[in-house]
Protein backbone atom coordinates (compact mmCIF):
# COMPACT_ATOMS: atom_id res chain seq x y z
CA MET A 1 2.65 -51.41 36.66
CA SER A 2 6.24 -51.05 37.58
CA ASP A 3 7.33 -48.96 40.98
CA ARG A 4 10.49 -47.39 39.14
CA LEU A 5 9.98 -44.24 38.11
CA PRO A 6 12.46 -41.47 36.59
CA THR A 7 14.47 -39.05 39.08
CA PRO A 8 14.94 -35.76 38.29
CA GLY A 9 18.25 -35.76 37.09
CA PRO A 10 20.58 -33.27 35.80
CA ALA A 11 20.17 -34.27 32.56
CA LEU A 12 16.31 -33.21 32.93
CA PRO A 13 16.49 -29.44 31.18
CA ARG A 14 18.33 -31.49 28.26
CA LEU A 15 15.31 -33.64 28.17
CA ARG A 16 12.76 -30.88 28.08
CA ASP A 17 15.26 -28.84 25.42
CA ALA A 18 14.47 -31.96 22.89
CA PHE A 19 10.97 -32.18 23.48
CA LEU A 20 11.16 -28.50 22.90
CA ALA A 21 12.83 -28.67 19.80
CA ALA A 22 11.26 -31.49 18.46
CA GLY A 23 8.04 -29.55 19.03
CA PHE A 24 6.73 -32.04 21.29
CA THR A 25 3.90 -29.68 22.74
CA PRO A 26 0.05 -28.92 22.38
CA ASP A 27 0.53 -27.30 19.23
CA GLY A 28 3.03 -29.69 17.31
CA LEU A 29 1.03 -32.53 18.21
CA LEU A 30 -2.01 -30.89 16.60
CA GLU A 31 -0.19 -30.21 13.93
CA LEU A 32 1.50 -33.74 13.50
CA LEU A 33 -1.84 -35.66 14.54
CA GLY A 34 -4.34 -33.51 12.93
CA ALA A 35 -7.87 -32.67 15.03
CA PRO A 36 -9.35 -35.89 14.38
CA ALA A 37 -6.81 -38.35 15.46
CA TYR A 38 -5.51 -35.88 18.17
CA ALA A 39 -9.56 -35.67 19.46
CA ALA A 40 -9.17 -39.64 19.12
CA LEU A 41 -6.27 -40.06 21.42
CA ALA A 42 -8.77 -38.41 24.44
CA ARG A 43 -11.14 -41.45 23.99
CA ASN A 44 -8.39 -43.92 23.94
CA GLU A 45 -8.01 -44.62 20.04
CA THR A 46 -5.00 -44.41 19.22
CA VAL A 47 -4.85 -46.46 15.79
CA PRO A 48 -5.01 -42.67 13.90
CA ALA A 49 -2.08 -41.54 15.87
CA LEU A 50 -0.02 -44.57 15.32
CA ARG A 51 -1.00 -44.08 11.49
CA ALA A 52 0.00 -40.37 11.75
CA THR A 53 3.59 -41.52 13.19
CA ARG A 54 4.93 -43.79 10.84
CA GLY A 55 7.18 -41.34 9.07
CA GLY A 56 10.03 -41.79 11.71
CA GLY A 57 11.20 -38.11 12.36
CA ARG A 58 11.60 -37.04 15.80
CA LEU A 59 8.38 -35.81 16.96
CA GLU A 60 6.81 -38.93 15.65
CA THR A 61 9.61 -40.81 17.88
CA LEU A 62 8.42 -39.05 21.08
CA VAL A 63 4.82 -39.69 20.33
CA ARG A 64 4.82 -43.29 19.88
CA LEU A 65 7.44 -43.41 22.66
CA PHE A 66 5.52 -41.62 25.53
CA LEU A 67 1.81 -41.19 24.70
CA LEU A 68 1.39 -44.43 22.48
CA GLN A 69 3.71 -46.50 24.63
CA ARG A 70 5.41 -47.82 21.51
CA PRO A 71 9.04 -49.70 21.85
CA VAL A 72 11.18 -47.77 19.22
CA PRO A 73 14.70 -48.58 18.39
CA TYR A 74 17.67 -46.90 20.17
CA GLU A 75 19.04 -45.37 17.39
CA ARG A 76 15.78 -43.90 16.65
CA ALA A 77 15.23 -42.42 20.04
CA ARG A 78 18.94 -41.24 20.41
CA SER A 79 18.04 -39.05 17.22
CA ALA A 80 15.13 -37.50 19.06
CA LEU A 81 16.11 -37.21 23.04
CA PRO A 82 19.42 -37.54 24.70
CA ALA A 83 18.81 -41.25 24.93
CA ASP A 84 21.59 -42.18 27.16
CA ASP A 85 20.57 -39.57 30.13
CA ALA A 86 16.86 -40.75 29.78
CA LEU A 87 17.96 -44.25 30.69
CA THR A 88 20.43 -43.44 33.56
CA ASP A 89 17.61 -41.37 34.84
CA GLY A 90 14.85 -44.04 34.37
CA TRP A 91 12.71 -42.02 31.61
CA LEU A 92 13.33 -45.26 29.68
CA CYS A 93 14.15 -48.71 29.57
CA ARG A 94 15.78 -50.93 27.30
CA HIS A 95 13.48 -53.40 25.15
CA THR A 96 14.35 -55.84 23.46
CA ALA A 97 11.23 -57.57 21.77
CA ALA A 98 10.27 -58.40 18.26
CA ASP A 99 8.39 -54.89 17.54
CA ALA A 100 7.39 -53.66 14.23
CA ASP A 101 8.89 -50.33 15.57
CA ALA A 102 12.08 -52.28 16.17
CA GLY A 103 12.80 -53.15 12.88
CA GLY A 104 12.16 -56.97 13.91
CA SER A 105 14.09 -58.16 17.64
CA GLY A 106 17.00 -55.87 18.21
CA ASP A 107 17.97 -53.31 20.18
CA ALA A 108 14.95 -51.16 21.50
CA VAL A 109 13.25 -48.72 24.18
CA SER A 110 10.49 -47.81 25.66
CA ALA A 111 9.24 -44.90 27.86
CA THR A 112 8.80 -45.69 31.50
CA VAL A 113 6.15 -43.45 31.96
CA ASP A 114 3.29 -41.10 29.96
CA VAL A 115 4.18 -37.94 29.36
CA ARG A 116 1.77 -35.28 27.80
CA PRO A 117 2.62 -31.74 26.63
CA TYR A 118 0.28 -29.41 28.17
CA ALA A 119 -0.61 -25.92 26.93
CA GLY A 120 0.02 -23.39 29.89
CA PRO A 121 -1.47 -20.08 30.20
CA GLU A 122 0.68 -17.11 28.07
CA GLY A 123 2.04 -19.80 25.45
CA LEU A 124 3.62 -21.70 28.50
CA ASN A 125 4.72 -25.76 27.54
CA TRP A 126 4.20 -28.15 30.16
CA TRP A 127 4.14 -31.47 30.68
CA ILE A 128 2.57 -33.74 32.32
CA VAL A 129 4.20 -37.30 34.07
CA SER A 130 1.43 -39.94 34.98
CA ASP A 131 1.37 -43.39 34.62
CA LEU A 132 1.46 -45.74 31.47
CA GLY A 133 -1.23 -45.72 29.47
CA CYS A 134 -2.68 -42.89 31.68
CA ALA A 135 -2.04 -40.09 29.39
CA VAL A 136 -4.40 -41.57 26.77
CA GLY A 137 -7.91 -42.88 27.83
CA GLY A 138 -8.19 -42.51 31.43
CA ALA A 139 -6.96 -45.45 33.61
CA GLY A 140 -8.60 -47.84 30.95
CA GLY A 141 -5.68 -46.92 28.68
CA ILE A 142 -3.32 -48.53 30.85
CA ARG A 143 -4.67 -51.99 29.64
CA THR A 144 -3.75 -51.34 26.07
CA ALA A 145 0.06 -49.72 27.24
CA GLU A 146 2.76 -51.99 25.74
CA GLY A 147 4.22 -53.82 28.96
CA ALA A 148 2.20 -52.44 31.15
CA GLY A 149 0.93 -54.52 34.88
CA THR A 150 -2.63 -55.00 34.74
CA GLY A 151 -3.29 -56.76 38.26
CA ALA A 152 -5.12 -55.31 40.71
CA ALA A 153 -2.49 -54.29 43.28
CA ASP A 154 -0.60 -52.38 40.21
CA ARG A 155 -3.73 -50.62 39.23
CA SER A 156 -4.70 -49.76 42.56
CA GLN A 157 -2.25 -46.79 42.80
CA LEU A 158 -2.59 -45.72 39.34
CA VAL A 159 -2.00 -41.86 38.56
CA LEU A 160 -3.83 -40.47 36.03
CA GLY A 161 -2.27 -37.45 33.48
CA VAL A 162 -4.62 -34.12 32.42
CA GLY A 163 -8.13 -34.83 31.92
CA GLY A 164 -11.58 -33.40 31.42
CA ALA A 165 -12.12 -32.88 34.74
CA SER A 166 -8.37 -31.08 35.37
CA THR A 167 -8.55 -28.88 32.70
CA THR A 168 -12.41 -27.82 34.10
CA LEU A 169 -11.09 -27.37 37.39
CA ALA A 170 -8.05 -25.11 35.98
CA GLY A 171 -10.80 -23.36 34.48
CA ILE A 172 -12.83 -22.16 37.04
CA THR A 173 -10.31 -21.29 39.32
CA VAL A 174 -9.98 -17.48 40.56
CA ARG A 175 -6.43 -16.69 39.21
CA THR A 176 -5.95 -13.40 41.70
CA PRO A 177 -2.29 -13.04 43.29
CA VAL A 178 -1.84 -14.88 46.96
CA ALA A 179 0.42 -15.56 48.87
CA ARG A 180 -0.71 -19.39 49.94
CA ALA A 181 -2.07 -21.77 47.73
CA LEU A 182 -2.90 -25.52 48.42
CA ASP A 183 -3.82 -28.43 46.09
CA LEU A 184 -5.39 -31.43 47.89
CA GLY A 185 -5.54 -34.95 46.28
CA THR A 186 -2.53 -33.49 43.62
CA GLY A 187 -2.79 -36.70 41.09
CA SER A 188 -0.01 -35.40 38.77
CA GLY A 189 -0.03 -31.73 39.41
CA VAL A 190 -1.81 -29.81 36.89
CA GLN A 191 -3.26 -27.52 39.50
CA VAL A 192 0.36 -27.32 40.91
CA LEU A 193 1.36 -25.73 38.27
CA HIS A 194 -1.27 -23.33 37.28
CA ALA A 195 -1.09 -22.41 41.16
CA ALA A 196 3.10 -21.47 41.03
CA ARG A 197 1.89 -18.99 38.24
CA HIS A 198 0.11 -16.70 40.97
CA ALA A 199 0.63 -18.03 44.43
CA GLU A 200 3.58 -17.30 46.52
CA SER A 201 4.05 -20.76 47.78
CA VAL A 202 2.18 -23.77 47.12
CA THR A 203 1.37 -26.70 48.89
CA ALA A 204 0.08 -29.74 47.82
CA THR A 205 -1.27 -32.94 49.33
CA ASP A 206 -1.99 -36.46 48.32
CA LEU A 207 -2.94 -39.98 50.12
CA ASN A 208 -0.96 -42.08 47.00
CA PRO A 209 3.03 -41.26 47.76
CA ARG A 210 3.24 -42.20 43.42
CA ALA A 211 1.52 -39.30 43.13
CA LEU A 212 3.66 -36.88 44.64
CA ARG A 213 6.69 -38.66 43.09
CA LEU A 214 5.03 -37.84 39.85
CA THR A 215 4.19 -34.73 40.87
CA ARG A 216 8.07 -33.92 41.42
CA LEU A 217 8.67 -35.26 37.83
CA THR A 218 5.95 -32.83 36.25
CA LEU A 219 7.20 -29.49 38.16
CA ALA A 220 10.99 -30.22 37.21
CA LEU A 221 10.21 -31.28 33.78
CA SER A 222 7.91 -28.43 33.01
CA GLY A 223 10.40 -25.89 35.02
CA ALA A 224 7.77 -24.90 37.30
CA PRO A 225 8.78 -23.91 41.08
CA GLU A 226 9.37 -26.82 43.68
CA ALA A 227 5.91 -27.26 45.78
CA ASP A 228 5.53 -28.33 49.38
CA LEU A 229 4.46 -32.17 48.73
CA ARG A 230 2.66 -34.02 51.55
CA GLU A 231 1.40 -37.31 51.79
CA GLY A 232 -2.05 -37.75 53.58
CA SER A 233 -5.43 -37.67 52.98
CA LEU A 234 -7.28 -34.38 52.94
CA PHE A 235 -6.48 -31.66 55.15
CA GLU A 236 -4.46 -33.92 57.72
CA PRO A 237 -0.93 -32.98 56.12
CA VAL A 238 -1.39 -29.48 57.15
CA GLU A 239 -3.79 -29.25 60.11
CA GLY A 240 -2.91 -26.57 62.36
CA GLU A 241 -1.46 -24.53 60.17
CA ALA A 242 -1.75 -21.03 58.82
CA PRO A 243 -4.67 -20.78 56.70
CA TYR A 244 -4.83 -20.61 53.10
CA ASP A 245 -6.33 -18.18 50.20
CA LEU A 246 -6.83 -20.55 47.82
CA ILE A 247 -7.70 -24.22 48.23
CA VAL A 248 -8.18 -26.29 45.02
CA SER A 249 -8.99 -29.94 44.91
CA ASN A 250 -9.89 -32.60 41.86
CA PRO A 251 -11.06 -35.26 44.92
CA PRO A 252 -11.45 -38.71 44.18
CA PHE A 253 -14.88 -37.84 44.30
CA VAL A 254 -16.33 -41.33 42.36
CA ILE A 255 -19.23 -42.71 44.44
CA SER A 256 -18.59 -46.70 44.03
CA PRO A 257 -18.75 -49.90 45.92
CA ARG A 258 -15.48 -51.38 47.52
CA ALA A 259 -14.24 -54.34 45.47
CA ALA A 260 -15.07 -57.77 46.48
CA ASP A 261 -11.28 -58.30 46.89
CA GLY A 262 -11.26 -54.76 49.17
CA THR A 263 -8.93 -52.96 46.82
CA ARG A 264 -9.63 -49.43 45.15
CA LEU A 265 -8.34 -47.62 42.99
CA THR A 266 -7.05 -44.60 44.67
CA TYR A 267 -7.30 -41.94 42.38
CA ARG A 268 -11.19 -42.50 41.82
CA ASP A 269 -12.22 -44.05 44.87
CA GLY A 270 -11.53 -41.79 47.91
CA GLY A 271 -12.77 -44.70 50.69
CA MET A 272 -15.50 -42.97 52.41
CA GLY A 273 -19.35 -44.05 51.71
CA GLY A 274 -21.67 -42.24 49.08
CA ASP A 275 -20.68 -38.39 48.65
CA ASP A 276 -19.10 -38.23 52.13
CA LEU A 277 -15.26 -37.36 50.45
CA CYS A 278 -17.20 -34.51 48.90
CA ARG A 279 -18.92 -32.85 51.81
CA THR A 280 -16.72 -33.87 54.44
CA LEU A 281 -14.07 -31.86 52.09
CA VAL A 282 -16.47 -28.66 51.84
CA GLU A 283 -17.53 -28.73 55.58
CA ARG A 284 -14.03 -28.85 56.56
CA SER A 285 -12.69 -26.37 54.51
CA ALA A 286 -13.32 -22.76 56.35
CA ALA A 287 -11.37 -23.74 58.94
CA HIS A 288 -8.11 -23.77 56.52
CA LEU A 289 -9.50 -20.85 54.42
CA ALA A 290 -8.13 -17.44 55.37
CA ASP A 291 -10.75 -14.33 55.06
CA GLY A 292 -11.31 -13.68 51.80
CA GLY A 293 -10.02 -16.74 50.63
CA TYR A 294 -11.45 -19.32 47.81
CA CYS A 295 -11.90 -22.85 48.24
CA GLN A 296 -12.75 -24.44 44.65
CA LEU A 297 -13.35 -28.29 43.99
CA LEU A 298 -15.29 -30.57 41.89
CA ALA A 299 -17.20 -33.20 43.00
CA ASN A 300 -20.02 -35.82 42.66
CA TRP A 301 -23.28 -36.07 44.88
CA ARG A 302 -26.23 -37.98 45.06
CA HIS A 303 -29.55 -37.56 44.23
CA MET A 304 -32.00 -39.32 46.62
CA GLU A 305 -35.33 -40.63 46.61
CA GLY A 306 -37.50 -38.03 48.48
CA ARG A 307 -35.17 -35.35 49.14
CA ASP A 308 -34.20 -32.14 47.02
CA TRP A 309 -30.69 -32.43 45.54
CA SER A 310 -30.14 -28.71 45.70
CA GLU A 311 -31.04 -28.44 49.55
CA ARG A 312 -29.40 -31.25 50.14
CA LEU A 313 -25.68 -29.48 48.98
CA ALA A 314 -26.81 -26.02 50.50
CA SER A 315 -26.60 -27.78 53.81
CA TRP A 316 -22.95 -28.94 53.39
CA VAL A 317 -21.81 -25.32 53.28
CA PRO A 318 -20.12 -23.84 56.69
CA GLU A 319 -21.02 -21.61 58.58
CA GLY A 320 -19.11 -17.92 57.24
CA CYS A 321 -18.63 -19.01 53.95
CA ASP A 322 -20.81 -17.85 50.53
CA ALA A 323 -21.00 -20.81 48.18
CA TRP A 324 -21.86 -20.94 44.02
CA ILE A 325 -22.99 -24.85 43.54
CA VAL A 326 -23.18 -25.51 39.80
CA GLN A 327 -24.62 -28.72 38.88
CA ARG A 328 -22.86 -29.42 35.04
CA GLU A 329 -24.90 -33.11 34.47
CA VAL A 330 -26.76 -35.72 36.14
CA GLN A 331 -26.51 -39.09 35.31
CA ASP A 332 -29.07 -41.96 36.27
CA VAL A 333 -27.39 -45.01 38.35
CA ALA A 334 -27.21 -47.17 35.12
CA GLN A 335 -24.88 -44.89 33.18
CA TYR A 336 -22.77 -43.29 36.07
CA ALA A 337 -21.93 -47.02 36.70
CA GLU A 338 -21.26 -47.64 32.84
CA LEU A 339 -18.96 -44.21 32.90
CA TRP A 340 -16.32 -45.74 35.72
CA LEU A 341 -16.28 -49.12 35.28
CA ARG A 342 -15.43 -48.23 31.45
CA ASP A 343 -12.94 -45.94 32.75
CA ALA A 344 -11.10 -48.20 34.56
CA GLY A 345 -10.81 -50.96 31.55
CA GLU A 346 -12.94 -52.96 33.40
CA HIS A 347 -15.57 -53.51 29.94
CA LEU A 348 -12.04 -55.17 28.68
CA GLY A 349 -11.89 -58.83 28.67
CA ASP A 350 -13.80 -60.85 31.48
CA PRO A 351 -17.70 -60.50 30.42
CA ALA A 352 -18.46 -62.24 33.60
CA GLY A 353 -16.38 -59.80 36.04
CA TYR A 354 -17.63 -57.03 34.13
CA ALA A 355 -21.16 -57.96 35.05
CA ALA A 356 -20.33 -58.67 38.63
CA HIS A 357 -19.03 -55.48 39.06
CA TYR A 358 -22.00 -53.92 37.48
CA ASP A 359 -24.22 -55.41 39.39
CA ALA A 360 -22.45 -54.91 42.80
CA TRP A 361 -22.74 -50.90 41.88
CA LEU A 362 -26.40 -51.02 41.12
CA GLU A 363 -27.03 -52.87 44.14
CA GLU A 364 -24.76 -50.51 46.21
CA PHE A 365 -27.16 -47.31 44.83
CA GLU A 366 -30.09 -49.21 45.64
CA ALA A 367 -29.44 -49.72 49.36
CA GLY A 368 -28.46 -46.15 49.60
CA GLY A 369 -31.77 -44.64 48.07
CA THR A 370 -29.55 -43.34 45.51
CA THR A 371 -31.65 -42.45 41.88
CA GLY A 372 -28.92 -40.45 40.23
CA VAL A 373 -25.45 -39.03 40.49
CA GLY A 374 -24.72 -35.00 39.68
CA PHE A 375 -21.83 -33.72 38.77
CA GLY A 376 -20.60 -30.36 39.22
CA TRP A 377 -18.36 -27.56 40.78
CA ILE A 378 -18.18 -26.42 44.45
CA THR A 379 -16.78 -22.91 45.05
CA LEU A 380 -16.95 -21.76 48.57
CA ARG A 381 -15.66 -18.24 49.52
CA LYS A 382 -14.95 -17.00 53.45
CA SER A 383 -16.67 -13.85 53.61
CA GLY A 384 -17.61 -13.96 57.49
CA ALA A 385 -21.02 -12.57 56.33
CA ARG A 386 -23.66 -12.98 58.94
CA HIS A 387 -26.57 -13.58 56.01
CA PRO A 388 -24.20 -15.75 53.55
CA SER A 389 -25.43 -15.90 50.01
CA VAL A 390 -25.30 -19.48 48.75
CA THR A 391 -26.47 -20.25 45.08
CA VAL A 392 -27.12 -23.62 43.75
CA GLU A 393 -28.21 -23.92 40.91
CA GLU A 394 -27.93 -26.37 37.38
CA TRP A 395 -26.54 -25.48 34.43
CA PRO A 396 -25.68 -27.92 31.65
CA HIS A 397 -25.17 -25.68 28.97
CA PRO A 398 -22.02 -24.73 27.04
CA VAL A 399 -20.12 -22.26 29.23
CA GLU A 400 -16.73 -20.53 27.76
CA GLN A 401 -13.74 -21.36 29.80
CA PRO A 402 -11.79 -20.07 31.28
CA LEU A 403 -14.53 -18.83 34.02
CA GLY A 404 -12.02 -18.19 37.01
CA GLU A 405 -13.01 -13.98 36.37
CA GLU A 406 -16.74 -15.03 36.13
CA VAL A 407 -16.37 -17.04 39.53
CA ARG A 408 -14.71 -13.83 41.53
CA ALA A 409 -16.93 -11.29 39.66
CA HIS A 410 -20.31 -13.54 40.96
CA PHE A 411 -19.07 -13.13 44.31
CA GLU A 412 -18.53 -9.51 44.11
CA ARG A 413 -21.48 -9.26 42.45
CA ARG A 414 -23.11 -10.83 45.70
CA ASP A 415 -21.34 -8.78 48.31
CA PHE A 416 -22.71 -5.30 46.08
CA LEU A 417 -26.35 -6.65 46.53
CA ARG A 418 -26.15 -7.82 49.82
CA ALA A 419 -25.56 -4.16 50.87
CA ALA A 420 -27.69 -2.55 48.73
CA ASP A 421 -31.02 -2.09 49.39
CA ASP A 422 -34.20 -0.52 46.99
CA ALA A 423 -32.68 2.99 47.77
CA ALA A 424 -29.15 2.20 47.30
CA LEU A 425 -29.83 0.00 44.07
CA LEU A 426 -32.09 2.80 42.54
CA ALA A 427 -29.10 5.45 43.44
CA THR A 428 -26.38 3.10 41.37
CA ARG A 429 -25.36 3.86 38.24
CA PHE A 430 -25.08 0.47 35.89
CA VAL A 431 -23.86 -0.62 32.86
CA LEU A 432 -24.25 -3.40 30.84
CA ALA A 433 -21.85 -6.50 30.29
CA ASP A 434 -19.85 -6.81 27.30
CA GLU A 435 -21.28 -8.76 24.61
CA VAL A 436 -24.80 -8.93 25.50
CA ALA A 437 -27.53 -9.45 22.78
CA GLN A 438 -30.95 -8.56 22.84
CA GLU A 439 -33.11 -11.04 20.67
CA GLN A 440 -37.11 -10.72 20.33
CA ILE A 441 -39.36 -13.51 20.04
CA GLY A 442 -42.95 -13.23 18.41
CA ARG A 443 -44.61 -14.07 15.30
CA PRO A 444 -42.90 -12.99 11.92
CA GLY A 445 -45.14 -9.71 10.83
CA ALA A 446 -46.39 -9.26 13.92
CA ASP A 447 -45.82 -5.60 15.19
CA ASP A 448 -44.82 -6.37 18.64
CA PRO A 449 -42.73 -9.27 20.15
CA GLU A 450 -44.32 -11.53 22.36
CA TYR A 451 -41.11 -11.60 24.75
CA VAL A 452 -37.26 -10.22 24.81
CA VAL A 453 -34.47 -12.20 25.66
CA LEU A 454 -31.33 -10.69 26.90
CA ARG A 455 -28.22 -13.16 25.97
CA GLN A 456 -24.52 -13.61 27.26
CA ASN A 457 -22.44 -14.72 24.70
CA ARG A 458 -18.85 -14.56 27.26
CA GLY A 459 -18.66 -16.20 30.28
CA MET A 460 -22.01 -18.58 31.53
CA ARG A 461 -23.63 -17.41 27.83
CA ARG A 462 -26.76 -17.08 30.10
CA ALA A 463 -30.06 -16.18 28.70
CA THR A 464 -33.13 -14.02 30.59
CA ARG A 465 -36.34 -12.98 29.50
CA VAL A 466 -37.17 -9.87 30.64
CA ASP A 467 -39.86 -7.30 29.80
CA THR A 468 -40.42 -4.23 27.71
CA VAL A 469 -39.22 -1.97 30.76
CA GLY A 470 -36.39 -4.14 31.50
CA ALA A 471 -35.27 -4.15 27.75
CA GLY A 472 -35.31 -0.31 27.58
CA PHE A 473 -33.63 -0.18 31.39
CA ALA A 474 -30.71 -2.45 30.37
CA GLY A 475 -30.18 -0.89 27.15
CA VAL A 476 -29.48 2.74 28.15
CA CYS A 477 -27.45 1.48 31.33
CA ASP A 478 -24.03 3.41 30.56
CA GLY A 479 -22.78 4.52 33.78
CA SER A 480 -24.06 7.68 33.37
CA LEU A 481 -27.34 7.97 35.07
CA PRO A 482 -28.50 6.52 38.39
CA ALA A 483 -30.91 3.47 37.81
CA GLY A 484 -33.98 5.60 39.44
CA ARG A 485 -33.30 8.15 37.09
CA ILE A 486 -33.65 5.94 33.90
CA LEU A 487 -36.70 4.40 35.45
CA ASP A 488 -38.45 8.40 35.83
CA ALA A 489 -37.91 8.63 32.06
CA ILE A 490 -39.13 5.17 31.08
CA ALA A 491 -42.55 5.60 33.21
CA GLN A 492 -42.62 9.45 31.29
CA LEU A 493 -42.12 7.64 27.94
CA LEU A 494 -44.94 5.08 28.45
CA GLY A 495 -46.96 7.20 30.46
CA GLU A 496 -46.56 5.33 33.99
CA ASP A 497 -46.77 6.20 37.25
CA PRO A 498 -43.06 6.32 38.05
CA VAL A 499 -43.18 5.72 41.88
CA GLY A 500 -45.06 2.42 40.85
CA LEU A 501 -42.42 1.57 38.49
CA ARG A 502 -39.75 2.35 41.40
CA ASP A 503 -41.01 0.24 43.47
CA ARG A 504 -41.78 -2.76 41.58
CA THR A 505 -38.59 -2.86 39.37
CA PRO A 506 -35.89 -3.38 41.40
CA GLU A 507 -36.42 -7.19 41.83
CA SER A 508 -36.13 -7.35 38.32
CA ILE A 509 -32.38 -5.27 38.76
CA ARG A 510 -31.24 -7.29 40.97
CA LEU A 511 -31.51 -10.69 39.16
CA LEU A 512 -30.18 -9.07 35.94
CA VAL A 513 -27.37 -8.16 38.54
CA GLU A 514 -27.02 -11.31 39.81
CA GLN A 515 -26.51 -13.18 36.69
CA GLY A 516 -24.35 -10.55 35.45
CA PHE A 517 -26.01 -8.52 32.87
CA LEU A 518 -25.66 -5.22 34.67
CA LEU A 519 -22.61 -3.97 36.47
CA PRO A 520 -22.23 -1.44 38.67
CA ALA A 521 -20.60 1.12 36.86
CA GLY A 522 -17.37 0.96 39.97
CA ASN A 523 -17.12 -2.57 39.10
CA ALA A 524 -17.12 -2.77 35.65
């Protein structure tokens, strides 16, 4: 990995124009490569893409240069982009070598960075700039990048491109207009691109100065506004400043032992023991949030012997903040170690070294009493409530992204429920949320179902079991009648005592509101 990076010079707009003209965009890549080859790139499998880019056209050339790290003949590069400008500004370098793409030995050029097309909102085309090999297949891709360095000193400062974690965070982020946004640990700048669309000003920090340089390139190449880029760890670069309306972070959350030689991968390892980095970020966020502001991050957390993981995470939430914590996945310690060792490419090459590192991870987990590792989302909202709402749940099921609006609505529903006693609840008019279906479960031919399930087809795609009263109540909620009047009508139909039904039903209504099946008519 070379220290030399491109400069955002005056020729950069011409480079962007060349990308657009050649179709070096997400849609263009999908059309050229086809879905199987496109998906294979995310798995660090480049052979299908190499086969699909043998034609020599402009788009094939750009894919080979910037995604597959293959040298191409200078003349072929010059037909696809302003090659001389790209050489001057450092996007390309001369590469004289025997290579199939170069037609034997001759004058060829190579890319100095990865550039990956990325689809922004409303049809925007963006390009994420990262270190060589890191746009395809995570850090492990650098071992297959042509000419990329693989030494520990080089790899310790790697900056990854866009991946599943960064797109997940972008999808769950609340996108209401804000004055000030902060991206902690910006990496290659993916979250800054999104935040710049709805924030008046964006500050981005990273402990790795190389990440800030690549973020600047990402913003410039994508035609995005400049951000205030600052070097430092966590909140250190913004201490004492005005609070933020939105804080996002895809931090180096991996729970890993320090390497025997003392080095670490900055993009992955935060330098703190266990899950202390994520805990610290959560605990300190309230001091940097404006009233009503959100802090949203991805995190790993330890499952520890003899301690409930959900109670442990709830204890992280700072005073005055509501929280919604969602565990999406749990891995045992062996699976977790294998995942991140492979992500770093440590399974390639020295089997003895891989085994030693694997053993070190397991030793670290055993010493700390870690039985597994959870992965998920943490959203905090600074509410100042005397009785904050803290929801910690496990939800490994498929969801529909983007979820930012669902996250905002979750806290809005919590505000409503916190303020409404049972009398106020029964006086409220509710509406059934969009795309909720009813499923009746029972034996074929039976007169009545054994139970009824309400299922969401949008957002979190929850399902909840309801009784006859709950199903009937939800089915007639169209905002025209208060909840108490509907229950009175149901009691009359079923021959039940209306007072008793009013007394026992609010708890069920609260659950349906909490989970988003029912919405107060004014909030629908």
